[in-house]
Amino acid sequence: MSTMRQASIERKTSETNIALQFNIDGEGKTELKTDVPFLDHMLDLFTKHGQFDLTVQAKGDIEIDYHHTVEDIAICLGQAFRKALGDKKGIKRYSSVFVPMDEALGQVIVDISNRPHLEYRAEFPSANVGTFPVELFHEFFWKLALEARITLHIIVHYGHNTHHMIEAVFKALGRALDEATMIDPRVKGVPSTKGML
């Protein structure tokens, strides 16, 4: 592509201070400093499997819990994704990806629709992975879909290791957004009968 699709977002509140850079047409490179190790691990997987570039520097009130930091990183990532995508001309728009992770199987379906929606069909055997509350991933994916203005369906079909199940979802999310944002030379303008997305 002649121009890189990338964006930077900064968000500072009384609870968090976040600087995030995102490049759709990247090489899978990350620089992550969030003070939330399990989220760093998942964002690293998302970035590498999506062939994006992602830099996140985040400071939050993690002495209370991880909620505000996780939520605000998702807000920033969604805003950066939408900004980087630009006018959406020529993109494939849709994608559906299955990813196995040992015994677990995750699926992510996306539509870059300008209609934010999350369907989250996932039940995990553990409430936490280490010190990370698994319930926060619903908040993460909802805020990502809302700010990116995408339709996002997440299904964990099965699994018995919570870490593996979540890992499958983040890998599938990266691959699905990579495919949906690819430029298809057959697409003229935006891929919608409405003439806009």
N, C-alpha and C. Protein backbone atom coordinates (compact mmCIF):
# COMPACT_ATOMS: atom_id res chain seq x y z
N MET A 1 0.84 -1.19 0.00
CA MET A 1 0.00 0.00 0.00
C MET A 1 0.88 1.24 0.00
N SER A 2 0.40 2.29 -0.61
CA SER A 2 1.19 3.51 -0.72
C SER A 2 1.27 4.27 0.60
N THR A 3 0.22 4.23 1.38
CA THR A 3 0.23 4.90 2.69
C THR A 3 -0.14 3.89 3.77
N MET A 4 0.55 4.01 4.87
CA MET A 4 0.29 3.11 5.99
C MET A 4 -0.98 3.53 6.71
N ARG A 5 -1.78 2.57 7.07
CA ARG A 5 -3.00 2.84 7.82
C ARG A 5 -2.65 2.73 9.31
N GLN A 6 -2.44 3.88 9.93
CA GLN A 6 -2.00 3.89 11.31
C GLN A 6 -2.58 5.08 12.05
N ALA A 7 -2.60 4.97 13.37
CA ALA A 7 -3.16 6.05 14.19
C ALA A 7 -2.57 6.00 15.58
N SER A 8 -2.59 7.15 16.24
CA SER A 8 -2.16 7.27 17.64
C SER A 8 -3.31 7.86 18.45
N ILE A 9 -3.48 7.33 19.64
CA ILE A 9 -4.54 7.79 20.54
C ILE A 9 -3.94 8.00 21.93
N GLU A 10 -4.32 9.08 22.58
CA GLU A 10 -3.96 9.29 23.98
C GLU A 10 -5.23 9.51 24.78
N ARG A 11 -5.25 8.92 25.96
CA ARG A 11 -6.42 9.05 26.83
C ARG A 11 -5.92 9.21 28.26
N LYS A 12 -6.29 10.31 28.88
CA LYS A 12 -5.87 10.57 30.25
C LYS A 12 -7.09 10.90 31.08
N THR A 13 -7.31 10.11 32.13
CA THR A 13 -8.41 10.35 33.06
C THR A 13 -7.84 10.32 34.48
N SER A 14 -8.71 10.47 35.43
CA SER A 14 -8.27 10.38 36.83
C SER A 14 -7.90 8.95 37.21
N GLU A 15 -8.26 7.99 36.33
CA GLU A 15 -8.03 6.57 36.62
C GLU A 15 -6.90 5.96 35.79
N THR A 16 -6.69 6.49 34.56
CA THR A 16 -5.69 5.91 33.67
C THR A 16 -5.01 6.98 32.84
N ASN A 17 -3.83 6.63 32.34
CA ASN A 17 -3.09 7.48 31.41
C ASN A 17 -2.52 6.55 30.35
N ILE A 18 -3.04 6.66 29.12
CA ILE A 18 -2.72 5.69 28.07
C ILE A 18 -2.26 6.41 26.81
N ALA A 19 -1.18 5.90 26.23
CA ALA A 19 -0.72 6.33 24.91
C ALA A 19 -0.62 5.06 24.06
N LEU A 20 -1.30 5.06 22.92
CA LEU A 20 -1.39 3.85 22.10
C LEU A 20 -1.16 4.20 20.63
N GLN A 21 -0.35 3.42 19.96
CA GLN A 21 -0.13 3.56 18.52
C GLN A 21 -0.47 2.22 17.86
N PHE A 22 -1.20 2.29 16.75
CA PHE A 22 -1.66 1.08 16.07
C PHE A 22 -1.47 1.23 14.57
N ASN A 23 -0.91 0.20 13.96
CA ASN A 23 -0.67 0.17 12.51
C ASN A 23 -1.30 -1.08 11.94
N ILE A 24 -2.31 -0.91 11.08
CA ILE A 24 -2.97 -2.05 10.46
C ILE A 24 -2.00 -2.81 9.55
N ASP A 25 -1.18 -2.07 8.81
CA ASP A 25 -0.28 -2.68 7.82
C ASP A 25 1.11 -2.85 8.43
N GLY A 26 1.17 -3.61 9.50
CA GLY A 26 2.41 -3.75 10.24
C GLY A 26 3.12 -5.07 9.97
N GLU A 27 3.93 -5.45 10.96
CA GLU A 27 4.76 -6.64 10.85
C GLU A 27 4.63 -7.55 12.07
N GLY A 28 3.64 -7.28 12.90
CA GLY A 28 3.46 -8.09 14.10
C GLY A 28 4.32 -7.66 15.27
N LYS A 29 4.74 -6.40 15.28
CA LYS A 29 5.63 -5.91 16.33
C LYS A 29 4.83 -5.27 17.47
N THR A 30 5.29 -5.55 18.70
CA THR A 30 4.62 -4.97 19.86
C THR A 30 5.63 -4.32 20.80
N GLU A 31 5.14 -3.32 21.50
CA GLU A 31 5.85 -2.74 22.64
C GLU A 31 4.78 -2.43 23.68
N LEU A 32 4.68 -3.27 24.67
CA LEU A 32 3.55 -3.23 25.59
C LEU A 32 4.02 -3.04 27.02
N LYS A 33 3.51 -1.98 27.65
CA LYS A 33 3.81 -1.70 29.06
C LYS A 33 2.51 -1.25 29.72
N THR A 34 1.74 -2.22 30.18
CA THR A 34 0.42 -1.91 30.74
C THR A 34 0.31 -2.18 32.23
N ASP A 35 1.28 -2.85 32.82
CA ASP A 35 1.22 -3.31 34.21
C ASP A 35 0.15 -4.38 34.43
N VAL A 36 -0.37 -4.94 33.32
CA VAL A 36 -1.33 -6.05 33.39
C VAL A 36 -0.75 -7.18 32.54
N PRO A 37 0.07 -8.04 33.14
CA PRO A 37 0.85 -9.01 32.35
C PRO A 37 0.03 -9.93 31.45
N PHE A 38 -1.10 -10.43 31.93
CA PHE A 38 -1.88 -11.35 31.10
C PHE A 38 -2.49 -10.62 29.90
N LEU A 39 -2.89 -9.37 30.09
CA LEU A 39 -3.40 -8.59 28.96
C LEU A 39 -2.27 -8.32 27.96
N ASP A 40 -1.08 -8.02 28.44
CA ASP A 40 0.08 -7.86 27.54
C ASP A 40 0.27 -9.10 26.69
N HIS A 41 0.20 -10.26 27.32
CA HIS A 41 0.36 -11.53 26.61
C HIS A 41 -0.70 -11.68 25.51
N MET A 42 -1.95 -11.37 25.84
CA MET A 42 -3.02 -11.52 24.85
C MET A 42 -2.89 -10.49 23.73
N LEU A 43 -2.53 -9.26 24.05
CA LEU A 43 -2.35 -8.23 23.01
C LEU A 43 -1.17 -8.56 22.11
N ASP A 44 -0.15 -9.19 22.67
CA ASP A 44 0.98 -9.62 21.85
C ASP A 44 0.54 -10.68 20.85
N LEU A 45 -0.26 -11.63 21.29
CA LEU A 45 -0.78 -12.67 20.39
C LEU A 45 -1.67 -12.05 19.31
N PHE A 46 -2.58 -11.17 19.72
CA PHE A 46 -3.47 -10.48 18.79
C PHE A 46 -2.67 -9.76 17.70
N THR A 47 -1.63 -9.06 18.11
CA THR A 47 -0.84 -8.26 17.16
C THR A 47 -0.06 -9.14 16.20
N LYS A 48 0.58 -10.17 16.71
CA LYS A 48 1.39 -11.04 15.86
C LYS A 48 0.53 -11.80 14.86
N HIS A 49 -0.62 -12.28 15.29
CA HIS A 49 -1.48 -13.05 14.39
C HIS A 49 -2.23 -12.15 13.43
N GLY A 50 -2.39 -10.88 13.77
CA GLY A 50 -3.02 -9.94 12.85
C GLY A 50 -2.05 -9.22 11.95
N GLN A 51 -0.75 -9.43 12.18
CA GLN A 51 0.29 -8.73 11.42
C GLN A 51 0.12 -7.21 11.53
N PHE A 52 -0.24 -6.78 12.74
CA PHE A 52 -0.34 -5.36 13.04
C PHE A 52 0.96 -4.92 13.74
N ASP A 53 1.08 -3.64 14.02
CA ASP A 53 2.07 -3.13 14.97
C ASP A 53 1.29 -2.41 16.07
N LEU A 54 1.68 -2.65 17.32
CA LEU A 54 0.95 -2.06 18.44
C LEU A 54 1.91 -1.65 19.55
N THR A 55 1.81 -0.40 19.95
CA THR A 55 2.55 0.11 21.09
C THR A 55 1.55 0.63 22.11
N VAL A 56 1.68 0.17 23.34
CA VAL A 56 0.79 0.63 24.42
C VAL A 56 1.63 0.96 25.64
N GLN A 57 1.49 2.18 26.12
CA GLN A 57 2.04 2.56 27.41
C GLN A 57 0.86 2.99 28.27
N ALA A 58 0.64 2.26 29.35
CA ALA A 58 -0.55 2.51 30.17
C ALA A 58 -0.18 2.51 31.64
N LYS A 59 -0.70 3.49 32.35
CA LYS A 59 -0.62 3.54 33.80
C LYS A 59 -2.05 3.68 34.32
N GLY A 60 -2.41 2.79 35.22
CA GLY A 60 -3.77 2.85 35.75
C GLY A 60 -3.80 2.54 37.23
N ASP A 61 -4.99 2.63 37.79
CA ASP A 61 -5.18 2.41 39.22
C ASP A 61 -5.29 0.92 39.53
N ILE A 62 -4.25 0.16 39.15
CA ILE A 62 -4.31 -1.29 39.33
C ILE A 62 -4.22 -1.69 40.80
N GLU A 63 -3.90 -0.74 41.68
CA GLU A 63 -3.95 -1.06 43.11
C GLU A 63 -5.39 -1.29 43.56
N ILE A 64 -6.35 -0.76 42.78
CA ILE A 64 -7.77 -1.03 43.05
C ILE A 64 -8.15 -2.35 42.38
N ASP A 65 -8.05 -2.36 41.05
CA ASP A 65 -8.17 -3.59 40.26
C ASP A 65 -7.77 -3.26 38.83
N TYR A 66 -7.90 -4.23 37.95
CA TYR A 66 -7.48 -4.05 36.55
C TYR A 66 -8.55 -3.42 35.67
N HIS A 67 -9.74 -3.22 36.20
CA HIS A 67 -10.89 -2.88 35.36
C HIS A 67 -10.67 -1.63 34.51
N HIS A 68 -10.31 -0.53 35.13
CA HIS A 68 -10.19 0.73 34.39
C HIS A 68 -9.10 0.66 33.33
N THR A 69 -8.00 0.02 33.65
CA THR A 69 -6.90 -0.09 32.69
C THR A 69 -7.30 -0.92 31.49
N VAL A 70 -7.92 -2.06 31.74
CA VAL A 70 -8.35 -2.95 30.64
C VAL A 70 -9.39 -2.25 29.77
N GLU A 71 -10.37 -1.63 30.40
CA GLU A 71 -11.43 -0.94 29.67
C GLU A 71 -10.88 0.20 28.82
N ASP A 72 -10.00 1.01 29.38
CA ASP A 72 -9.51 2.18 28.66
C ASP A 72 -8.53 1.80 27.55
N ILE A 73 -7.79 0.72 27.73
CA ILE A 73 -6.95 0.24 26.62
C ILE A 73 -7.83 -0.22 25.47
N ALA A 74 -8.92 -0.90 25.76
CA ALA A 74 -9.85 -1.31 24.71
C ALA A 74 -10.46 -0.11 24.00
N ILE A 75 -10.81 0.92 24.75
CA ILE A 75 -11.35 2.14 24.15
C ILE A 75 -10.34 2.74 23.19
N CYS A 76 -9.10 2.85 23.64
CA CYS A 76 -8.05 3.44 22.80
C CYS A 76 -7.75 2.59 21.57
N LEU A 77 -7.71 1.27 21.75
CA LEU A 77 -7.44 0.38 20.62
C LEU A 77 -8.56 0.47 19.59
N GLY A 78 -9.80 0.50 20.05
CA GLY A 78 -10.92 0.63 19.13
C GLY A 78 -10.90 1.95 18.37
N GLN A 79 -10.60 3.04 19.08
CA GLN A 79 -10.52 4.35 18.42
C GLN A 79 -9.38 4.39 17.41
N ALA A 80 -8.24 3.80 17.77
CA ALA A 80 -7.09 3.79 16.86
C ALA A 80 -7.37 2.94 15.63
N PHE A 81 -8.03 1.80 15.84
CA PHE A 81 -8.40 0.94 14.70
C PHE A 81 -9.29 1.69 13.72
N ARG A 82 -10.32 2.34 14.26
CA ARG A 82 -11.26 3.06 13.39
C ARG A 82 -10.57 4.21 12.65
N LYS A 83 -9.73 4.95 13.36
CA LYS A 83 -9.02 6.07 12.76
C LYS A 83 -8.04 5.59 11.69
N ALA A 84 -7.32 4.51 11.99
CA ALA A 84 -6.33 3.99 11.04
C ALA A 84 -6.99 3.45 9.78
N LEU A 85 -8.18 2.91 9.93
CA LEU A 85 -8.87 2.30 8.78
C LEU A 85 -9.28 3.33 7.74
N GLY A 86 -9.52 4.56 8.17
CA GLY A 86 -9.82 5.62 7.21
C GLY A 86 -11.18 5.46 6.56
N ASP A 87 -11.21 5.64 5.24
CA ASP A 87 -12.50 5.66 4.53
C ASP A 87 -13.05 4.27 4.21
N LYS A 88 -12.29 3.22 4.53
CA LYS A 88 -12.72 1.81 4.36
C LYS A 88 -12.86 1.39 2.90
N LYS A 89 -12.40 2.20 1.98
CA LYS A 89 -12.53 1.85 0.57
C LYS A 89 -11.69 0.62 0.22
N GLY A 90 -12.31 -0.32 -0.46
CA GLY A 90 -11.60 -1.48 -0.97
C GLY A 90 -11.40 -2.61 0.02
N ILE A 91 -11.87 -2.47 1.27
CA ILE A 91 -11.62 -3.54 2.24
C ILE A 91 -12.57 -4.72 2.01
N LYS A 92 -12.15 -5.88 2.52
CA LYS A 92 -13.00 -7.07 2.41
C LYS A 92 -14.24 -6.97 3.31
N ARG A 93 -14.10 -6.32 4.44
CA ARG A 93 -15.16 -6.00 5.39
C ARG A 93 -15.51 -7.16 6.33
N TYR A 94 -15.70 -8.35 5.84
CA TYR A 94 -16.13 -9.49 6.66
C TYR A 94 -15.00 -10.49 6.86
N SER A 95 -15.08 -11.23 7.96
CA SER A 95 -14.19 -12.36 8.15
C SER A 95 -14.73 -13.28 9.24
N SER A 96 -14.44 -14.55 9.11
CA SER A 96 -14.75 -15.54 10.14
C SER A 96 -13.55 -16.46 10.27
N VAL A 97 -13.03 -16.58 11.48
CA VAL A 97 -11.81 -17.33 11.71
C VAL A 97 -11.97 -18.26 12.91
N PHE A 98 -11.61 -19.53 12.72
CA PHE A 98 -11.48 -20.49 13.81
C PHE A 98 -10.00 -20.64 14.16
N VAL A 99 -9.70 -20.70 15.45
CA VAL A 99 -8.33 -20.97 15.89
C VAL A 99 -8.38 -22.01 17.01
N PRO A 100 -7.68 -23.13 16.83
CA PRO A 100 -7.54 -24.08 17.93
C PRO A 100 -6.34 -23.71 18.79
N MET A 101 -6.44 -23.96 20.06
CA MET A 101 -5.30 -23.85 20.97
C MET A 101 -5.33 -25.09 21.85
N ASP A 102 -4.59 -26.09 21.43
CA ASP A 102 -4.62 -27.40 22.08
C ASP A 102 -6.07 -27.91 22.13
N GLU A 103 -6.64 -28.06 23.33
CA GLU A 103 -7.99 -28.64 23.43
C GLU A 103 -9.11 -27.63 23.20
N ALA A 104 -8.76 -26.35 23.11
CA ALA A 104 -9.76 -25.28 23.01
C ALA A 104 -9.96 -24.85 21.56
N LEU A 105 -11.17 -24.41 21.25
CA LEU A 105 -11.47 -23.90 19.92
C LEU A 105 -12.22 -22.59 20.04
N GLY A 106 -11.62 -21.53 19.49
CA GLY A 106 -12.25 -20.21 19.49
C GLY A 106 -12.61 -19.78 18.08
N GLN A 107 -13.65 -18.98 17.96
CA GLN A 107 -14.08 -18.44 16.67
C GLN A 107 -14.41 -16.97 16.83
N VAL A 108 -13.96 -16.18 15.87
CA VAL A 108 -14.28 -14.76 15.84
C VAL A 108 -14.81 -14.41 14.46
N ILE A 109 -15.96 -13.74 14.43
CA ILE A 109 -16.59 -13.28 13.19
C ILE A 109 -16.70 -11.77 13.29
N VAL A 110 -16.24 -11.06 12.26
CA VAL A 110 -16.31 -9.61 12.29
C VAL A 110 -16.95 -9.06 11.03
N ASP A 111 -17.60 -7.94 11.20
CA ASP A 111 -18.12 -7.13 10.11
C ASP A 111 -17.75 -5.68 10.43
N ILE A 112 -16.93 -5.10 9.58
CA ILE A 112 -16.56 -3.69 9.77
C ILE A 112 -17.73 -2.86 9.22
N SER A 113 -18.74 -2.72 10.07
CA SER A 113 -20.08 -2.34 9.64
C SER A 113 -20.46 -0.91 9.97
N ASN A 114 -19.71 -0.25 10.85
CA ASN A 114 -20.10 1.02 11.45
C ASN A 114 -21.34 0.87 12.34
N ARG A 115 -21.63 -0.37 12.73
CA ARG A 115 -22.73 -0.67 13.67
C ARG A 115 -22.14 -1.49 14.81
N PRO A 116 -21.78 -0.85 15.90
CA PRO A 116 -21.13 -1.59 16.99
C PRO A 116 -22.07 -2.59 17.65
N HIS A 117 -21.59 -3.83 17.75
CA HIS A 117 -22.37 -4.87 18.40
C HIS A 117 -21.43 -5.97 18.85
N LEU A 118 -21.67 -6.53 20.02
CA LEU A 118 -20.90 -7.67 20.51
C LEU A 118 -21.84 -8.81 20.85
N GLU A 119 -21.56 -9.98 20.28
CA GLU A 119 -22.16 -11.24 20.74
C GLU A 119 -21.02 -12.05 21.35
N TYR A 120 -21.17 -12.42 22.61
CA TYR A 120 -20.08 -13.04 23.35
C TYR A 120 -20.59 -14.35 23.93
N ARG A 121 -20.24 -15.43 23.29
CA ARG A 121 -20.69 -16.76 23.71
C ARG A 121 -19.48 -17.52 24.24
N ALA A 122 -19.19 -17.33 25.50
CA ALA A 122 -18.00 -17.94 26.09
C ALA A 122 -18.25 -18.21 27.57
N GLU A 123 -18.02 -19.44 27.96
CA GLU A 123 -18.08 -19.82 29.37
C GLU A 123 -16.76 -20.47 29.73
N PHE A 124 -16.14 -19.97 30.79
CA PHE A 124 -14.81 -20.42 31.16
C PHE A 124 -14.86 -21.21 32.46
N PRO A 125 -14.03 -22.24 32.57
CA PRO A 125 -14.05 -23.05 33.79
C PRO A 125 -13.46 -22.35 35.01
N SER A 126 -12.63 -21.31 34.79
CA SER A 126 -12.02 -20.59 35.90
C SER A 126 -12.41 -19.12 35.86
N ALA A 127 -12.57 -18.52 37.03
CA ALA A 127 -12.93 -17.10 37.11
C ALA A 127 -11.71 -16.21 36.91
N ASN A 128 -10.52 -16.76 37.11
CA ASN A 128 -9.29 -15.98 36.99
C ASN A 128 -8.23 -16.78 36.25
N VAL A 129 -7.35 -16.06 35.56
CA VAL A 129 -6.10 -16.64 35.09
C VAL A 129 -5.01 -15.93 35.88
N GLY A 130 -4.39 -16.62 36.79
CA GLY A 130 -3.49 -15.97 37.74
C GLY A 130 -4.28 -14.95 38.55
N THR A 131 -3.87 -13.69 38.47
CA THR A 131 -4.58 -12.62 39.19
C THR A 131 -5.56 -11.87 38.29
N PHE A 132 -5.70 -12.33 37.04
CA PHE A 132 -6.54 -11.58 36.09
C PHE A 132 -7.97 -12.12 36.10
N PRO A 133 -8.98 -11.26 36.36
CA PRO A 133 -10.38 -11.70 36.34
C PRO A 133 -10.88 -11.86 34.90
N VAL A 134 -11.29 -13.06 34.57
CA VAL A 134 -11.68 -13.37 33.20
C VAL A 134 -12.89 -12.56 32.76
N GLU A 135 -13.75 -12.15 33.70
CA GLU A 135 -14.93 -11.37 33.34
C GLU A 135 -14.57 -10.05 32.65
N LEU A 136 -13.36 -9.56 32.85
CA LEU A 136 -12.96 -8.30 32.23
C LEU A 136 -12.83 -8.40 30.72
N PHE A 137 -12.71 -9.61 30.19
CA PHE A 137 -12.60 -9.73 28.74
C PHE A 137 -13.90 -9.36 28.04
N HIS A 138 -15.04 -9.61 28.67
CA HIS A 138 -16.30 -9.15 28.08
C HIS A 138 -16.28 -7.63 27.94
N GLU A 139 -15.83 -6.96 29.00
CA GLU A 139 -15.74 -5.49 28.96
C GLU A 139 -14.76 -5.04 27.87
N PHE A 140 -13.63 -5.72 27.77
CA PHE A 140 -12.63 -5.37 26.76
C PHE A 140 -13.21 -5.49 25.35
N PHE A 141 -13.82 -6.60 25.04
CA PHE A 141 -14.33 -6.82 23.68
C PHE A 141 -15.51 -5.90 23.36
N TRP A 142 -16.36 -5.62 24.36
CA TRP A 142 -17.48 -4.72 24.12
C TRP A 142 -16.99 -3.31 23.83
N LYS A 143 -16.04 -2.81 24.60
CA LYS A 143 -15.53 -1.46 24.37
C LYS A 143 -14.75 -1.39 23.05
N LEU A 144 -14.04 -2.45 22.71
CA LEU A 144 -13.35 -2.50 21.42
C LEU A 144 -14.35 -2.41 20.27
N ALA A 145 -15.39 -3.21 20.32
CA ALA A 145 -16.41 -3.20 19.26
C ALA A 145 -17.11 -1.84 19.19
N LEU A 146 -17.40 -1.27 20.35
CA LEU A 146 -18.11 0.01 20.41
C LEU A 146 -17.28 1.12 19.77
N GLU A 147 -16.01 1.22 20.16
CA GLU A 147 -15.17 2.32 19.68
C GLU A 147 -14.68 2.10 18.25
N ALA A 148 -14.46 0.84 17.86
CA ALA A 148 -14.06 0.55 16.48
C ALA A 148 -15.27 0.59 15.55
N ARG A 149 -16.46 0.56 16.12
CA ARG A 149 -17.73 0.53 15.38
C ARG A 149 -17.76 -0.67 14.43
N ILE A 150 -17.53 -1.85 15.05
CA ILE A 150 -17.59 -3.10 14.31
C ILE A 150 -18.62 -4.02 14.95
N THR A 151 -19.12 -4.94 14.16
CA THR A 151 -19.92 -6.04 14.68
C THR A 151 -18.95 -7.17 14.98
N LEU A 152 -18.97 -7.64 16.23
CA LEU A 152 -18.00 -8.62 16.69
C LEU A 152 -18.71 -9.78 17.38
N HIS A 153 -18.55 -10.96 16.81
CA HIS A 153 -19.11 -12.17 17.41
C HIS A 153 -17.95 -13.04 17.88
N ILE A 154 -17.98 -13.42 19.15
CA ILE A 154 -16.93 -14.25 19.74
C ILE A 154 -17.59 -15.51 20.30
N ILE A 155 -17.09 -16.66 19.86
CA ILE A 155 -17.63 -17.93 20.31
C ILE A 155 -16.47 -18.82 20.75
N VAL A 156 -16.54 -19.29 21.98
CA VAL A 156 -15.62 -20.34 22.42
C VAL A 156 -16.42 -21.65 22.37
N HIS A 157 -16.07 -22.50 21.42
CA HIS A 157 -16.87 -23.71 21.19
C HIS A 157 -16.66 -24.74 22.28
N TYR A 158 -15.41 -24.88 22.73
CA TYR A 158 -15.13 -25.81 23.82
C TYR A 158 -13.70 -25.60 24.30
N GLY A 159 -13.39 -26.25 25.40
CA GLY A 159 -12.07 -26.18 26.01
C GLY A 159 -12.19 -26.42 27.49
N HIS A 160 -11.08 -26.76 28.14
CA HIS A 160 -11.14 -26.92 29.59
C HIS A 160 -10.02 -26.16 30.30
N ASN A 161 -9.16 -25.49 29.54
CA ASN A 161 -8.12 -24.66 30.12
C ASN A 161 -8.44 -23.21 29.77
N THR A 162 -8.73 -22.41 30.77
CA THR A 162 -9.18 -21.04 30.54
C THR A 162 -8.15 -20.22 29.77
N HIS A 163 -6.89 -20.38 30.10
CA HIS A 163 -5.83 -19.66 29.38
C HIS A 163 -5.87 -20.02 27.89
N HIS A 164 -5.96 -21.29 27.58
CA HIS A 164 -6.00 -21.72 26.17
C HIS A 164 -7.23 -21.16 25.45
N MET A 165 -8.35 -21.14 26.13
CA MET A 165 -9.60 -20.68 25.51
C MET A 165 -9.51 -19.20 25.15
N ILE A 166 -8.98 -18.39 26.09
CA ILE A 166 -8.84 -16.96 25.83
C ILE A 166 -7.79 -16.71 24.75
N GLU A 167 -6.72 -17.48 24.80
CA GLU A 167 -5.66 -17.33 23.80
C GLU A 167 -6.20 -17.60 22.40
N ALA A 168 -7.02 -18.63 22.25
CA ALA A 168 -7.61 -18.94 20.96
C ALA A 168 -8.44 -17.76 20.43
N VAL A 169 -9.16 -17.09 21.34
CA VAL A 169 -9.99 -15.94 20.94
C VAL A 169 -9.13 -14.78 20.45
N PHE A 170 -8.07 -14.45 21.18
CA PHE A 170 -7.24 -13.31 20.79
C PHE A 170 -6.49 -13.58 19.48
N LYS A 171 -6.04 -14.81 19.28
CA LYS A 171 -5.41 -15.15 18.00
C LYS A 171 -6.43 -15.04 16.86
N ALA A 172 -7.64 -15.55 17.09
CA ALA A 172 -8.68 -15.48 16.07
C ALA A 172 -9.09 -14.04 15.79
N LEU A 173 -9.13 -13.21 16.82
CA LEU A 173 -9.48 -11.79 16.64
C LEU A 173 -8.45 -11.11 15.74
N GLY A 174 -7.18 -11.34 16.00
CA GLY A 174 -6.15 -10.75 15.16
C GLY A 174 -6.28 -11.19 13.71
N ARG A 175 -6.46 -12.47 13.50
CA ARG A 175 -6.55 -12.99 12.14
C ARG A 175 -7.82 -12.51 11.43
N ALA A 176 -8.92 -12.40 12.18
CA ALA A 176 -10.17 -11.95 11.57
C ALA A 176 -10.09 -10.48 11.17
N LEU A 177 -9.54 -9.63 12.04
CA LEU A 177 -9.44 -8.21 11.70
C LEU A 177 -8.42 -7.99 10.59
N ASP A 178 -7.38 -8.81 10.56
CA ASP A 178 -6.42 -8.74 9.46
C ASP A 178 -7.11 -9.02 8.13
N GLU A 179 -7.87 -10.09 8.08
CA GLU A 179 -8.55 -10.46 6.84
C GLU A 179 -9.60 -9.44 6.43
N ALA A 180 -10.38 -8.96 7.40
CA ALA A 180 -11.46 -8.02 7.10
C ALA A 180 -10.94 -6.67 6.60
N THR A 181 -9.72 -6.30 7.02
CA THR A 181 -9.17 -5.01 6.61
C THR A 181 -8.31 -5.10 5.34
N MET A 182 -8.14 -6.31 4.82
CA MET A 182 -7.34 -6.46 3.60
C MET A 182 -8.01 -5.75 2.43
N ILE A 183 -7.19 -5.19 1.58
CA ILE A 183 -7.70 -4.54 0.38
C ILE A 183 -7.94 -5.58 -0.70
N ASP A 184 -9.15 -5.60 -1.22
CA ASP A 184 -9.53 -6.49 -2.32
C ASP A 184 -9.63 -5.65 -3.59
N PRO A 185 -8.75 -5.89 -4.55
CA PRO A 185 -8.75 -5.04 -5.76
C PRO A 185 -10.05 -5.09 -6.55
N ARG A 186 -10.88 -6.10 -6.28
CA ARG A 186 -12.17 -6.19 -6.99
C ARG A 186 -13.21 -5.23 -6.41
N VAL A 187 -12.98 -4.79 -5.17
CA VAL A 187 -13.95 -3.92 -4.50
C VAL A 187 -13.73 -2.47 -4.95
N LYS A 188 -14.76 -1.89 -5.50
CA LYS A 188 -14.70 -0.48 -5.90
C LYS A 188 -15.44 0.35 -4.85
N GLY A 189 -14.75 1.29 -4.26
CA GLY A 189 -15.36 2.08 -3.19
C GLY A 189 -15.51 1.26 -1.93
N VAL A 190 -16.55 1.54 -1.16
CA VAL A 190 -16.78 0.78 0.08
C VAL A 190 -17.68 -0.41 -0.21
N PRO A 191 -17.47 -1.55 0.47
CA PRO A 191 -18.26 -2.74 0.20
C PRO A 191 -19.62 -2.71 0.89
N SER A 192 -20.50 -1.86 0.39
CA SER A 192 -21.83 -1.73 0.96
C SER A 192 -22.77 -1.18 -0.10
N THR A 193 -23.99 -1.73 -0.16
CA THR A 193 -24.99 -1.23 -1.09
C THR A 193 -25.48 0.17 -0.67
N LYS A 194 -25.20 0.54 0.60
CA LYS A 194 -25.60 1.87 1.06
C LYS A 194 -24.67 2.96 0.49
N GLY A 195 -23.49 2.55 0.05
CA GLY A 195 -22.52 3.53 -0.46
C GLY A 195 -21.67 4.14 0.63
N MET A 196 -21.84 3.63 1.88
CA MET A 196 -21.02 4.13 2.97
C MET A 196 -20.98 3.10 4.07
N LEU A 197 -19.94 3.17 4.87
CA LEU A 197 -19.83 2.31 6.07
C LEU A 197 -19.52 3.22 7.26
